[in-house]
Amino acid sequence: MKHIGNLKYAEGSRQKKKRIGRGQGSGHGGTSTKGHKGAQSRSGYASKRGFEGGQMPLSRRVPKFGFKNPFRVEYQVINIATLQELFDNNQLTDTVDMNILQDLNLINRKKPFKILGNGELKAKLNVTANKVSESARQKIESAGGSVTTDA
């Protein structure tokens, strides 16, 4: 019968800690399971990140190439078809700007956005965006709307 006073661990669930460097009789004396000589047998050894035992590491074997432009601006993309769909579902009025698109969870306020001309537009919309492609501008204006860009 189990009582709180005579509880025991399950068989094999607890193992004795390996006591190294406590004499030959322990079976872990002498070199203390670290082998003979070399950096790993010495005190204070810490392996460097990416160290491959003296072999030329992968970071140095593989050539570097390419260029990261620090001035690149990455735009979030909204297509004309998306605007028409939102207008059809009564989620848009005649005005489209960053605040409205953010409220609809289509864009993130931290990044600029660009309107692209993929799709057809029948609604008359007044669009304010960071950038607008030429095809999108033509489609918005041919539908009777207007385009204003920030940049």
N, C-alpha and C. Protein backbone atom coordinates (compact mmCIF):
# COMPACT_ATOMS: atom_id res chain seq x y z
N MET A 1 0.84 -1.19 0.00
CA MET A 1 0.00 0.00 0.00
C MET A 1 0.88 1.25 0.00
N LYS A 2 0.53 2.23 -0.85
CA LYS A 2 1.36 3.42 -0.96
C LYS A 2 0.86 4.50 -0.02
N HIS A 3 1.78 4.97 0.77
CA HIS A 3 1.52 6.12 1.63
C HIS A 3 2.63 7.13 1.37
N ILE A 4 2.40 8.34 1.76
CA ILE A 4 3.40 9.39 1.51
C ILE A 4 4.71 9.10 2.23
N GLY A 5 4.66 8.30 3.28
CA GLY A 5 5.87 8.00 4.05
C GLY A 5 6.75 6.94 3.43
N ASN A 6 6.22 6.10 2.53
CA ASN A 6 7.05 5.03 1.95
C ASN A 6 7.05 5.05 0.43
N LEU A 7 7.03 6.25 -0.17
CA LEU A 7 7.11 6.37 -1.63
C LEU A 7 8.54 6.10 -2.09
N LYS A 8 8.70 5.43 -3.23
CA LYS A 8 10.01 5.15 -3.79
C LYS A 8 10.00 5.50 -5.27
N TYR A 9 11.18 5.82 -5.78
CA TYR A 9 11.30 6.10 -7.21
C TYR A 9 11.10 4.82 -8.00
N ALA A 10 10.65 4.93 -9.23
CA ALA A 10 10.47 3.77 -10.10
C ALA A 10 11.83 3.15 -10.38
N GLU A 11 11.84 1.85 -10.56
CA GLU A 11 13.07 1.10 -10.81
C GLU A 11 13.75 1.61 -12.07
N GLY A 12 15.02 2.00 -11.95
CA GLY A 12 15.81 2.45 -13.09
C GLY A 12 15.61 3.92 -13.45
N SER A 13 14.78 4.64 -12.71
CA SER A 13 14.55 6.04 -13.05
C SER A 13 15.64 6.96 -12.54
N ARG A 14 16.40 6.52 -11.53
CA ARG A 14 17.46 7.35 -10.97
C ARG A 14 18.79 6.63 -11.13
N GLN A 15 19.80 7.34 -11.68
CA GLN A 15 21.12 6.75 -11.83
C GLN A 15 22.12 7.52 -11.01
N LYS A 16 23.16 6.81 -10.57
CA LYS A 16 24.19 7.46 -9.77
C LYS A 16 24.98 8.43 -10.62
N LYS A 17 25.36 9.55 -10.05
CA LYS A 17 26.16 10.56 -10.74
C LYS A 17 27.56 10.00 -10.97
N LYS A 18 28.12 10.24 -12.17
CA LYS A 18 29.47 9.78 -12.47
C LYS A 18 30.47 10.67 -11.73
N ARG A 19 31.20 10.10 -10.78
CA ARG A 19 32.19 10.87 -10.02
C ARG A 19 33.54 10.65 -10.67
N ILE A 20 34.02 11.69 -11.37
CA ILE A 20 35.27 11.54 -12.09
C ILE A 20 36.41 12.16 -11.31
N GLY A 21 37.62 11.60 -11.54
CA GLY A 21 38.81 12.13 -10.89
C GLY A 21 38.87 11.82 -9.41
N ARG A 22 38.32 10.68 -8.99
CA ARG A 22 38.34 10.31 -7.57
C ARG A 22 39.06 8.97 -7.36
N GLY A 23 40.12 8.78 -8.13
CA GLY A 23 40.96 7.59 -7.92
C GLY A 23 40.65 6.47 -8.89
N GLN A 24 41.64 5.55 -8.99
CA GLN A 24 41.53 4.46 -9.96
C GLN A 24 40.39 3.51 -9.63
N GLY A 25 40.10 3.35 -8.36
CA GLY A 25 39.06 2.40 -7.94
C GLY A 25 37.68 2.78 -8.47
N SER A 26 37.47 4.04 -8.74
CA SER A 26 36.14 4.48 -9.21
C SER A 26 35.91 4.10 -10.66
N GLY A 27 36.99 3.79 -11.39
CA GLY A 27 36.87 3.50 -12.82
C GLY A 27 36.91 4.77 -13.65
N HIS A 28 36.92 5.93 -13.00
CA HIS A 28 36.96 7.21 -13.70
C HIS A 28 38.09 8.07 -13.17
N GLY A 29 39.16 7.43 -12.79
CA GLY A 29 40.31 8.18 -12.27
C GLY A 29 41.27 8.47 -13.40
N GLY A 30 42.50 8.80 -13.07
CA GLY A 30 43.54 9.03 -14.09
C GLY A 30 43.22 10.21 -14.97
N THR A 31 42.74 9.92 -16.18
CA THR A 31 42.47 11.01 -17.12
C THR A 31 41.05 11.57 -16.94
N SER A 32 40.29 11.05 -16.02
CA SER A 32 38.93 11.54 -15.72
C SER A 32 38.03 11.54 -16.95
N THR A 33 38.08 10.47 -17.72
CA THR A 33 37.26 10.23 -18.91
C THR A 33 37.50 11.23 -20.04
N LYS A 34 38.64 11.95 -19.98
CA LYS A 34 38.90 12.97 -21.00
C LYS A 34 39.94 12.52 -22.03
N GLY A 35 40.44 11.31 -21.94
CA GLY A 35 41.44 10.85 -22.89
C GLY A 35 42.80 11.44 -22.58
N HIS A 36 43.77 11.23 -23.48
CA HIS A 36 45.13 11.69 -23.25
C HIS A 36 45.43 12.94 -24.07
N LYS A 37 45.98 13.93 -23.44
CA LYS A 37 46.46 15.16 -24.07
C LYS A 37 45.39 15.88 -24.89
N GLY A 38 45.76 16.95 -25.56
CA GLY A 38 44.85 17.70 -26.42
C GLY A 38 44.06 18.75 -25.66
N ALA A 39 43.51 19.69 -26.41
CA ALA A 39 42.82 20.83 -25.81
C ALA A 39 41.63 20.40 -24.95
N GLN A 40 40.92 19.36 -25.38
CA GLN A 40 39.72 18.97 -24.65
C GLN A 40 40.03 18.34 -23.31
N SER A 41 41.27 17.93 -23.09
CA SER A 41 41.61 17.35 -21.79
C SER A 41 42.03 18.43 -20.80
N ARG A 42 42.29 19.63 -21.26
CA ARG A 42 42.78 20.70 -20.39
C ARG A 42 41.63 21.47 -19.76
N SER A 43 41.95 22.14 -18.65
CA SER A 43 40.92 22.95 -17.99
C SER A 43 40.71 24.23 -18.77
N GLY A 44 39.51 24.77 -18.72
CA GLY A 44 39.21 26.03 -19.39
C GLY A 44 38.94 25.90 -20.87
N TYR A 45 38.87 24.67 -21.39
CA TYR A 45 38.63 24.49 -22.82
C TYR A 45 37.19 24.83 -23.17
N ALA A 46 37.01 25.61 -24.24
CA ALA A 46 35.68 25.88 -24.78
C ALA A 46 35.78 25.88 -26.29
N SER A 47 34.98 25.05 -26.95
CA SER A 47 35.02 24.94 -28.40
C SER A 47 34.48 26.21 -29.05
N LYS A 48 35.14 26.65 -30.13
CA LYS A 48 34.67 27.83 -30.84
C LYS A 48 33.47 27.45 -31.70
N ARG A 49 32.58 28.40 -31.92
CA ARG A 49 31.43 28.18 -32.77
C ARG A 49 31.90 27.89 -34.19
N GLY A 50 31.41 26.80 -34.78
CA GLY A 50 31.80 26.45 -36.14
C GLY A 50 33.11 25.70 -36.24
N PHE A 51 33.74 25.37 -35.10
CA PHE A 51 35.02 24.66 -35.13
C PHE A 51 34.79 23.22 -35.58
N GLU A 52 35.59 22.76 -36.53
CA GLU A 52 35.42 21.42 -37.09
C GLU A 52 36.67 20.58 -36.88
N GLY A 53 37.30 20.72 -35.74
CA GLY A 53 38.45 19.88 -35.42
C GLY A 53 39.69 20.22 -36.21
N GLY A 54 39.84 21.42 -36.68
CA GLY A 54 41.00 21.83 -37.45
C GLY A 54 40.76 21.80 -38.95
N GLN A 55 39.70 21.10 -39.37
CA GLN A 55 39.32 21.11 -40.79
C GLN A 55 38.85 22.52 -41.14
N MET A 56 39.04 22.92 -42.38
CA MET A 56 38.59 24.25 -42.81
C MET A 56 37.08 24.35 -42.62
N PRO A 57 36.61 25.27 -41.78
CA PRO A 57 35.18 25.32 -41.47
C PRO A 57 34.32 25.72 -42.66
N LEU A 58 33.07 25.32 -42.62
CA LEU A 58 32.14 25.56 -43.71
C LEU A 58 32.05 27.04 -44.04
N SER A 59 32.05 27.90 -43.03
CA SER A 59 31.93 29.33 -43.27
C SER A 59 33.09 29.89 -44.08
N ARG A 60 34.23 29.21 -44.07
CA ARG A 60 35.38 29.65 -44.87
C ARG A 60 35.54 28.86 -46.16
N ARG A 61 34.94 27.66 -46.23
CA ARG A 61 35.02 26.85 -47.45
C ARG A 61 34.11 27.40 -48.54
N VAL A 62 32.94 27.91 -48.14
CA VAL A 62 31.95 28.36 -49.11
C VAL A 62 32.23 29.82 -49.47
N PRO A 63 32.29 30.13 -50.77
CA PRO A 63 32.63 31.51 -51.15
C PRO A 63 31.50 32.50 -50.85
N LYS A 64 31.90 33.74 -50.63
CA LYS A 64 30.92 34.80 -50.40
C LYS A 64 30.58 35.43 -51.74
N PHE A 65 29.34 35.85 -51.91
CA PHE A 65 28.95 36.55 -53.13
C PHE A 65 27.73 37.39 -52.83
N GLY A 66 27.43 38.33 -53.73
CA GLY A 66 26.22 39.12 -53.61
C GLY A 66 26.45 40.43 -52.90
N PHE A 67 25.36 41.18 -52.78
CA PHE A 67 25.41 42.51 -52.21
C PHE A 67 24.06 42.82 -51.60
N LYS A 68 24.05 43.37 -50.37
CA LYS A 68 22.82 43.78 -49.71
C LYS A 68 22.76 45.30 -49.74
N ASN A 69 21.81 45.84 -50.47
CA ASN A 69 21.67 47.29 -50.55
C ASN A 69 21.03 47.82 -49.27
N PRO A 70 21.74 48.61 -48.48
CA PRO A 70 21.17 49.10 -47.23
C PRO A 70 20.07 50.14 -47.42
N PHE A 71 19.96 50.69 -48.64
CA PHE A 71 18.96 51.72 -48.90
C PHE A 71 17.71 51.19 -49.60
N ARG A 72 17.63 49.86 -49.80
CA ARG A 72 16.48 49.28 -50.47
C ARG A 72 15.22 49.49 -49.65
N VAL A 73 14.14 49.86 -50.33
CA VAL A 73 12.84 50.03 -49.68
C VAL A 73 11.95 48.89 -50.14
N GLU A 74 11.44 48.11 -49.20
CA GLU A 74 10.58 46.99 -49.55
C GLU A 74 9.13 47.39 -49.31
N TYR A 75 8.33 47.34 -50.37
CA TYR A 75 6.94 47.77 -50.29
C TYR A 75 6.01 46.58 -50.04
N GLN A 76 4.94 46.84 -49.30
CA GLN A 76 3.85 45.88 -49.20
C GLN A 76 2.97 46.09 -50.42
N VAL A 77 2.44 45.03 -50.98
CA VAL A 77 1.75 45.11 -52.27
C VAL A 77 0.25 44.92 -52.09
N ILE A 78 -0.52 45.82 -52.70
CA ILE A 78 -1.98 45.68 -52.77
C ILE A 78 -2.36 45.80 -54.25
N ASN A 79 -3.13 44.84 -54.75
CA ASN A 79 -3.53 44.86 -56.15
C ASN A 79 -4.89 45.54 -56.32
N ILE A 80 -5.14 46.03 -57.52
CA ILE A 80 -6.42 46.66 -57.87
C ILE A 80 -7.57 45.67 -57.63
N ALA A 81 -7.34 44.39 -57.96
CA ALA A 81 -8.38 43.37 -57.79
C ALA A 81 -8.81 43.28 -56.33
N THR A 82 -7.86 43.42 -55.40
CA THR A 82 -8.17 43.38 -53.96
C THR A 82 -9.04 44.56 -53.57
N LEU A 83 -8.73 45.74 -54.09
CA LEU A 83 -9.53 46.94 -53.79
C LEU A 83 -10.96 46.77 -54.32
N GLN A 84 -11.09 46.23 -55.53
CA GLN A 84 -12.43 46.02 -56.10
C GLN A 84 -13.22 45.01 -55.27
N GLU A 85 -12.56 43.95 -54.83
CA GLU A 85 -13.21 42.93 -54.01
C GLU A 85 -13.69 43.51 -52.68
N LEU A 86 -12.84 44.34 -52.05
CA LEU A 86 -13.23 44.98 -50.79
C LEU A 86 -14.40 45.93 -51.01
N PHE A 87 -14.39 46.65 -52.13
CA PHE A 87 -15.49 47.58 -52.44
C PHE A 87 -16.79 46.80 -52.65
N ASP A 88 -16.70 45.66 -53.35
CA ASP A 88 -17.89 44.82 -53.60
C ASP A 88 -18.46 44.26 -52.30
N ASN A 89 -17.59 43.97 -51.33
CA ASN A 89 -18.03 43.42 -50.03
C ASN A 89 -18.38 44.51 -49.02
N ASN A 90 -18.47 45.76 -49.50
CA ASN A 90 -18.81 46.92 -48.65
C ASN A 90 -17.84 47.12 -47.49
N GLN A 91 -16.58 46.75 -47.68
CA GLN A 91 -15.56 46.99 -46.66
C GLN A 91 -14.81 48.29 -46.94
N LEU A 92 -14.99 48.82 -48.15
CA LEU A 92 -14.36 50.08 -48.54
C LEU A 92 -15.42 51.08 -48.96
N THR A 93 -15.18 52.35 -48.62
CA THR A 93 -16.01 53.43 -49.17
C THR A 93 -15.26 53.97 -50.39
N ASP A 94 -15.42 55.23 -50.70
CA ASP A 94 -14.74 55.77 -51.88
C ASP A 94 -13.30 56.18 -51.59
N THR A 95 -12.84 56.09 -50.32
CA THR A 95 -11.48 56.51 -49.95
C THR A 95 -10.63 55.31 -49.56
N VAL A 96 -9.40 55.29 -50.05
CA VAL A 96 -8.44 54.22 -49.69
C VAL A 96 -7.16 54.89 -49.23
N ASP A 97 -6.74 54.61 -47.99
CA ASP A 97 -5.46 55.10 -47.49
C ASP A 97 -4.87 54.10 -46.52
N MET A 98 -3.71 54.44 -45.94
CA MET A 98 -2.99 53.51 -45.07
C MET A 98 -3.83 53.09 -43.85
N ASN A 99 -4.53 54.04 -43.25
CA ASN A 99 -5.31 53.72 -42.04
C ASN A 99 -6.42 52.72 -42.33
N ILE A 100 -7.11 52.89 -43.44
CA ILE A 100 -8.21 51.98 -43.81
C ILE A 100 -7.67 50.58 -44.10
N LEU A 101 -6.57 50.51 -44.86
CA LEU A 101 -5.99 49.21 -45.20
C LEU A 101 -5.42 48.51 -43.97
N GLN A 102 -4.91 49.31 -43.03
CA GLN A 102 -4.40 48.70 -41.80
C GLN A 102 -5.54 48.17 -40.94
N ASP A 103 -6.65 48.91 -40.88
CA ASP A 103 -7.82 48.44 -40.11
C ASP A 103 -8.37 47.13 -40.68
N LEU A 104 -8.21 46.92 -41.99
CA LEU A 104 -8.65 45.68 -42.64
C LEU A 104 -7.58 44.59 -42.57
N ASN A 105 -6.47 44.86 -41.87
CA ASN A 105 -5.34 43.91 -41.70
C ASN A 105 -4.71 43.48 -43.02
N LEU A 106 -4.66 44.40 -43.98
CA LEU A 106 -4.03 44.11 -45.26
C LEU A 106 -2.58 44.55 -45.29
N ILE A 107 -2.24 45.56 -44.50
CA ILE A 107 -0.86 46.05 -44.47
C ILE A 107 -0.43 46.30 -43.03
N ASN A 108 0.88 46.47 -42.89
CA ASN A 108 1.49 46.81 -41.61
C ASN A 108 1.88 48.29 -41.68
N ARG A 109 1.60 49.04 -40.65
CA ARG A 109 1.85 50.48 -40.65
C ARG A 109 3.33 50.82 -40.76
N LYS A 110 4.21 49.91 -40.34
CA LYS A 110 5.64 50.21 -40.29
C LYS A 110 6.30 50.24 -41.66
N LYS A 111 5.72 49.54 -42.65
CA LYS A 111 6.32 49.49 -43.98
C LYS A 111 5.46 50.25 -44.98
N PRO A 112 6.08 50.88 -45.99
CA PRO A 112 5.29 51.55 -47.02
C PRO A 112 4.57 50.53 -47.91
N PHE A 113 3.50 50.98 -48.58
CA PHE A 113 2.78 50.06 -49.45
C PHE A 113 2.62 50.65 -50.85
N LYS A 114 2.41 49.76 -51.82
CA LYS A 114 2.33 50.14 -53.22
C LYS A 114 1.10 49.49 -53.84
N ILE A 115 0.38 50.26 -54.65
CA ILE A 115 -0.78 49.74 -55.36
C ILE A 115 -0.32 49.27 -56.74
N LEU A 116 -0.62 48.00 -57.07
CA LEU A 116 -0.25 47.45 -58.38
C LEU A 116 -1.51 47.23 -59.21
N GLY A 117 -1.33 47.16 -60.52
CA GLY A 117 -2.46 47.14 -61.44
C GLY A 117 -2.97 45.78 -61.85
N ASN A 118 -2.87 44.77 -61.02
CA ASN A 118 -3.35 43.43 -61.37
C ASN A 118 -4.86 43.35 -61.10
N GLY A 119 -5.66 43.12 -62.12
CA GLY A 119 -7.11 43.01 -61.95
C GLY A 119 -7.83 44.17 -62.61
N GLU A 120 -9.17 44.15 -62.45
CA GLU A 120 -10.02 45.19 -63.04
C GLU A 120 -10.64 46.01 -61.92
N LEU A 121 -10.85 47.30 -62.21
CA LEU A 121 -11.46 48.20 -61.23
C LEU A 121 -12.65 48.91 -61.86
N LYS A 122 -13.83 48.78 -61.23
CA LYS A 122 -15.03 49.47 -61.71
C LYS A 122 -15.44 50.56 -60.75
N ALA A 123 -14.97 50.48 -59.49
CA ALA A 123 -15.36 51.44 -58.46
C ALA A 123 -14.58 52.73 -58.60
N LYS A 124 -15.25 53.84 -58.26
CA LYS A 124 -14.60 55.15 -58.28
C LYS A 124 -13.96 55.35 -56.90
N LEU A 125 -12.62 55.28 -56.85
CA LEU A 125 -11.90 55.36 -55.58
C LEU A 125 -10.91 56.52 -55.57
N ASN A 126 -10.77 57.14 -54.40
CA ASN A 126 -9.74 58.14 -54.19
C ASN A 126 -8.63 57.48 -53.38
N VAL A 127 -7.52 57.18 -54.02
CA VAL A 127 -6.46 56.37 -53.42
C VAL A 127 -5.29 57.27 -52.98
N THR A 128 -4.85 57.07 -51.73
CA THR A 128 -3.64 57.71 -51.23
C THR A 128 -2.68 56.60 -50.85
N ALA A 129 -1.51 56.54 -51.50
CA ALA A 129 -0.56 55.45 -51.26
C ALA A 129 0.86 56.01 -51.29
N ASN A 130 1.81 55.19 -50.80
CA ASN A 130 3.22 55.59 -50.88
C ASN A 130 3.71 55.55 -52.32
N LYS A 131 3.27 54.52 -53.07
CA LYS A 131 3.64 54.41 -54.49
C LYS A 131 2.48 53.76 -55.23
N VAL A 132 2.35 54.09 -56.50
CA VAL A 132 1.31 53.50 -57.35
C VAL A 132 1.95 53.19 -58.69
N SER A 133 1.74 51.97 -59.19
CA SER A 133 2.30 51.63 -60.50
C SER A 133 1.54 52.38 -61.58
N GLU A 134 2.15 52.51 -62.75
CA GLU A 134 1.55 53.29 -63.84
C GLU A 134 0.26 52.63 -64.32
N SER A 135 0.24 51.30 -64.40
CA SER A 135 -0.98 50.60 -64.85
C SER A 135 -2.10 50.77 -63.83
N ALA A 136 -1.76 50.75 -62.54
CA ALA A 136 -2.77 50.95 -61.50
C ALA A 136 -3.32 52.37 -61.57
N ARG A 137 -2.45 53.33 -61.78
CA ARG A 137 -2.87 54.74 -61.87
C ARG A 137 -3.86 54.93 -63.03
N GLN A 138 -3.56 54.31 -64.19
CA GLN A 138 -4.44 54.42 -65.35
C GLN A 138 -5.81 53.80 -65.07
N LYS A 139 -5.82 52.63 -64.40
CA LYS A 139 -7.09 51.95 -64.13
C LYS A 139 -7.94 52.72 -63.13
N ILE A 140 -7.29 53.30 -62.11
CA ILE A 140 -8.03 54.08 -61.11
C ILE A 140 -8.61 55.34 -61.74
N GLU A 141 -7.82 56.02 -62.53
CA GLU A 141 -8.28 57.27 -63.15
C GLU A 141 -9.31 57.01 -64.25
N SER A 142 -9.20 55.89 -64.97
CA SER A 142 -10.19 55.58 -66.01
C SER A 142 -11.53 55.18 -65.39
N ALA A 143 -11.51 54.71 -64.13
CA ALA A 143 -12.75 54.38 -63.42
C ALA A 143 -13.36 55.62 -62.78
N GLY A 144 -12.69 56.78 -62.90
CA GLY A 144 -13.23 58.02 -62.37
C GLY A 144 -12.65 58.43 -61.03
N GLY A 145 -11.66 57.69 -60.54
CA GLY A 145 -11.08 57.98 -59.24
C GLY A 145 -9.86 58.90 -59.36
N SER A 146 -9.20 59.11 -58.20
CA SER A 146 -8.01 59.95 -58.20
C SER A 146 -6.91 59.26 -57.40
N VAL A 147 -5.67 59.63 -57.71
CA VAL A 147 -4.50 59.01 -57.07
C VAL A 147 -3.63 60.10 -56.47
N THR A 148 -3.23 59.89 -55.20
CA THR A 148 -2.29 60.77 -54.54
C THR A 148 -1.17 59.90 -53.98
N THR A 149 0.08 60.29 -54.23
CA THR A 149 1.21 59.54 -53.69
C THR A 149 1.96 60.37 -52.68
N ASP A 150 2.47 59.69 -51.64
CA ASP A 150 3.25 60.36 -50.59
C ASP A 150 4.67 60.59 -51.06
N ALA A 151 5.24 59.58 -51.76
CA ALA A 151 6.65 59.68 -52.13
C ALA A 151 6.83 60.05 -53.57
